[in-house]
């Protein structure tokens, strides 16, 4: 690929490319992210990271799921 950089699907990420630019999008496409502590907010953050096009997302939640967690997403 482009000197080790990730290719970006310009049709899929056209809005993000306009806002962030090619350089930032390439860095995001190569990023691995850890989200620790999910609940409602952490899950929303993880979802947006995936939709944003990061390379990998690892989820870590030290707490067991509760009934309230089912209603948040």
N, C-alpha and C. Protein backbone atom coordinates (compact mmCIF):
# COMPACT_ATOMS: atom_id res chain seq x y z
N UNK A 1 0.84 -1.18 0.00
CA UNK A 1 0.00 0.00 0.00
C UNK A 1 0.88 1.24 0.00
N UNK A 2 0.37 2.37 0.22
CA UNK A 2 1.07 3.64 0.08
C UNK A 2 2.19 3.80 1.10
N UNK A 3 3.29 3.10 0.91
CA UNK A 3 4.41 3.21 1.83
C UNK A 3 4.07 2.72 3.22
N UNK A 4 3.25 1.66 3.33
CA UNK A 4 2.87 1.14 4.64
C UNK A 4 1.63 1.78 5.22
N UNK A 5 1.07 2.75 4.51
CA UNK A 5 -0.13 3.42 5.00
C UNK A 5 -1.37 2.72 4.49
N UNK A 6 -2.45 2.81 5.26
CA UNK A 6 -3.71 2.17 4.90
C UNK A 6 -4.41 2.94 3.78
N UNK A 7 -5.05 2.21 2.87
CA UNK A 7 -5.87 2.85 1.85
C UNK A 7 -7.20 3.25 2.48
N UNK A 8 -7.74 4.37 2.06
CA UNK A 8 -8.99 4.89 2.61
C UNK A 8 -10.06 4.84 1.52
N UNK A 9 -11.21 4.26 1.83
CA UNK A 9 -12.33 4.22 0.91
C UNK A 9 -12.97 5.61 0.89
N UNK A 10 -12.65 6.39 -0.14
CA UNK A 10 -13.10 7.77 -0.21
C UNK A 10 -14.61 7.91 -0.33
N UNK A 11 -15.28 6.92 -0.92
CA UNK A 11 -16.73 6.96 -1.00
C UNK A 11 -17.38 6.76 0.35
N UNK A 12 -16.81 5.87 1.15
CA UNK A 12 -17.38 5.55 2.46
C UNK A 12 -17.07 6.63 3.50
N UNK A 13 -15.88 7.20 3.42
CA UNK A 13 -15.44 8.16 4.44
C UNK A 13 -15.31 9.58 3.92
N UNK A 14 -16.10 9.97 2.92
CA UNK A 14 -15.94 11.28 2.29
C UNK A 14 -16.14 12.44 3.27
N UNK A 15 -17.11 12.34 4.15
CA UNK A 15 -17.35 13.43 5.12
C UNK A 15 -16.19 13.56 6.09
N UNK A 16 -15.71 12.42 6.59
CA UNK A 16 -14.59 12.45 7.53
C UNK A 16 -13.33 12.97 6.86
N UNK A 17 -13.10 12.59 5.62
CA UNK A 17 -11.93 13.08 4.89
C UNK A 17 -11.98 14.60 4.76
N UNK A 18 -13.17 15.13 4.51
CA UNK A 18 -13.33 16.58 4.37
C UNK A 18 -13.00 17.28 5.69
N UNK A 19 -13.46 16.72 6.80
CA UNK A 19 -13.25 17.35 8.11
C UNK A 19 -11.84 17.11 8.65
N UNK A 20 -11.38 15.86 8.60
CA UNK A 20 -10.11 15.50 9.23
C UNK A 20 -8.90 15.60 8.31
N UNK A 21 -9.10 15.32 7.03
CA UNK A 21 -8.00 15.34 6.09
C UNK A 21 -7.39 13.95 5.91
N UNK A 22 -6.64 13.77 4.83
CA UNK A 22 -6.04 12.49 4.48
C UNK A 22 -5.08 11.99 5.55
N UNK A 23 -4.22 12.87 6.05
CA UNK A 23 -3.20 12.45 7.02
C UNK A 23 -3.85 11.88 8.29
N UNK A 24 -4.82 12.57 8.84
CA UNK A 24 -5.49 12.11 10.06
C UNK A 24 -6.26 10.82 9.82
N UNK A 25 -6.90 10.72 8.68
CA UNK A 25 -7.66 9.50 8.37
C UNK A 25 -6.72 8.30 8.23
N UNK A 26 -5.55 8.50 7.64
CA UNK A 26 -4.59 7.40 7.53
C UNK A 26 -4.09 6.96 8.90
N UNK A 27 -3.89 7.92 9.80
CA UNK A 27 -3.46 7.58 11.15
C UNK A 27 -4.57 6.82 11.89
N UNK A 28 -5.81 7.24 11.72
CA UNK A 28 -6.92 6.52 12.35
C UNK A 28 -7.04 5.11 11.80
N UNK A 29 -6.87 4.95 10.50
CA UNK A 29 -7.01 3.65 9.87
C UNK A 29 -5.93 2.68 10.33
N UNK A 30 -4.85 3.20 10.88
CA UNK A 30 -3.76 2.35 11.37
C UNK A 30 -3.79 2.19 12.89
N UNK A 31 -4.75 2.83 13.56
CA UNK A 31 -4.78 2.85 15.03
C UNK A 31 -5.48 1.63 15.61
N UNK A 32 -4.94 1.17 16.73
CA UNK A 32 -5.58 0.14 17.55
C UNK A 32 -5.99 0.81 18.85
N UNK A 33 -7.25 0.67 19.25
CA UNK A 33 -7.81 1.40 20.39
C UNK A 33 -8.34 0.42 21.43
N UNK A 34 -8.10 0.73 22.70
CA UNK A 34 -8.66 -0.03 23.81
C UNK A 34 -9.73 0.81 24.48
N UNK A 35 -10.94 0.26 24.62
CA UNK A 35 -12.02 0.91 25.34
C UNK A 35 -12.25 0.09 26.60
N UNK A 36 -12.01 0.70 27.75
CA UNK A 36 -12.15 0.00 29.02
C UNK A 36 -13.30 0.59 29.81
N UNK A 37 -14.20 -0.26 30.28
CA UNK A 37 -15.37 0.20 31.02
C UNK A 37 -16.46 0.60 30.05
N UNK A 38 -17.31 -0.34 29.71
CA UNK A 38 -18.26 -0.08 28.63
C UNK A 38 -19.49 0.71 29.09
N UNK A 39 -20.39 0.08 29.77
CA UNK A 39 -21.67 0.73 30.10
C UNK A 39 -22.25 1.37 28.83
N UNK A 40 -23.14 2.33 28.98
CA UNK A 40 -23.75 2.96 27.82
C UNK A 40 -22.81 3.86 27.06
N UNK A 41 -22.07 4.70 27.78
CA UNK A 41 -21.17 5.66 27.13
C UNK A 41 -20.01 4.96 26.44
N UNK A 42 -19.38 4.02 27.12
CA UNK A 42 -18.25 3.30 26.53
C UNK A 42 -18.65 2.54 25.28
N UNK A 43 -19.84 1.98 25.30
CA UNK A 43 -20.34 1.25 24.13
C UNK A 43 -20.59 2.20 22.97
N UNK A 44 -21.10 3.37 23.25
CA UNK A 44 -21.33 4.37 22.20
C UNK A 44 -20.00 4.84 21.62
N UNK A 45 -19.00 5.04 22.46
CA UNK A 45 -17.67 5.44 22.00
C UNK A 45 -17.08 4.36 21.11
N UNK A 46 -17.19 3.10 21.55
CA UNK A 46 -16.67 1.97 20.76
C UNK A 46 -17.35 1.90 19.40
N UNK A 47 -18.66 2.07 19.38
CA UNK A 47 -19.41 2.04 18.11
C UNK A 47 -18.91 3.12 17.16
N UNK A 48 -18.72 4.33 17.69
CA UNK A 48 -18.27 5.43 16.84
C UNK A 48 -16.84 5.24 16.36
N UNK A 49 -16.01 4.61 17.16
CA UNK A 49 -14.65 4.30 16.71
C UNK A 49 -14.68 3.32 15.54
N UNK A 50 -15.50 2.30 15.66
CA UNK A 50 -15.62 1.31 14.58
C UNK A 50 -16.15 1.98 13.31
N UNK A 51 -17.19 2.80 13.46
CA UNK A 51 -17.74 3.49 12.29
C UNK A 51 -16.75 4.51 11.72
N UNK A 52 -15.86 5.02 12.57
CA UNK A 52 -14.86 5.98 12.13
C UNK A 52 -13.74 5.37 11.33
N UNK A 53 -13.60 4.05 11.39
CA UNK A 53 -12.63 3.38 10.53
C UNK A 53 -11.30 3.04 11.17
N UNK A 54 -11.25 2.91 12.51
CA UNK A 54 -9.97 2.51 13.11
C UNK A 54 -9.68 1.06 12.76
N UNK A 55 -8.39 0.70 12.83
CA UNK A 55 -7.96 -0.64 12.44
C UNK A 55 -8.51 -1.72 13.38
N UNK A 56 -8.41 -1.48 14.69
CA UNK A 56 -8.84 -2.48 15.66
C UNK A 56 -9.38 -1.81 16.92
N UNK A 57 -10.43 -2.40 17.49
CA UNK A 57 -10.98 -1.94 18.76
C UNK A 57 -11.02 -3.14 19.70
N UNK A 58 -10.40 -2.98 20.88
CA UNK A 58 -10.45 -4.02 21.90
C UNK A 58 -11.35 -3.51 23.02
N UNK A 59 -12.32 -4.33 23.41
CA UNK A 59 -13.26 -3.97 24.47
C UNK A 59 -12.89 -4.67 25.76
N UNK A 60 -12.89 -3.90 26.87
CA UNK A 60 -12.61 -4.46 28.19
C UNK A 60 -13.64 -3.89 29.16
N UNK A 61 -14.35 -4.77 29.82
CA UNK A 61 -15.33 -4.33 30.81
C UNK A 61 -15.15 -5.17 32.06
N UNK A 62 -14.61 -4.59 33.13
CA UNK A 62 -14.36 -5.36 34.34
C UNK A 62 -15.63 -5.71 35.12
N UNK A 63 -16.73 -5.05 34.79
CA UNK A 63 -17.99 -5.28 35.50
C UNK A 63 -18.89 -6.22 34.71
N UNK A 64 -19.59 -7.12 35.41
CA UNK A 64 -20.56 -7.96 34.69
C UNK A 64 -21.73 -7.11 34.17
N UNK A 65 -22.33 -7.55 33.10
CA UNK A 65 -23.48 -6.84 32.54
C UNK A 65 -24.63 -6.83 33.54
N UNK A 66 -25.36 -5.72 33.56
CA UNK A 66 -26.52 -5.57 34.44
C UNK A 66 -27.75 -5.27 33.59
N UNK A 67 -28.92 -5.38 34.18
CA UNK A 67 -30.16 -5.14 33.44
C UNK A 67 -30.19 -3.75 32.84
N UNK A 68 -29.69 -2.76 33.55
CA UNK A 68 -29.68 -1.39 33.04
C UNK A 68 -28.82 -1.22 31.80
N UNK A 69 -27.78 -2.06 31.67
CA UNK A 69 -26.93 -2.00 30.49
C UNK A 69 -27.70 -2.39 29.23
N UNK A 70 -28.65 -3.27 29.36
CA UNK A 70 -29.43 -3.72 28.21
C UNK A 70 -30.30 -2.60 27.65
N UNK A 71 -30.69 -1.67 28.50
CA UNK A 71 -31.56 -0.58 28.06
C UNK A 71 -30.78 0.59 27.47
N UNK A 72 -29.46 0.63 27.69
CA UNK A 72 -28.70 1.81 27.24
C UNK A 72 -28.39 1.76 25.75
N UNK A 73 -28.29 0.59 25.15
CA UNK A 73 -28.00 0.48 23.72
C UNK A 73 -28.89 -0.56 23.12
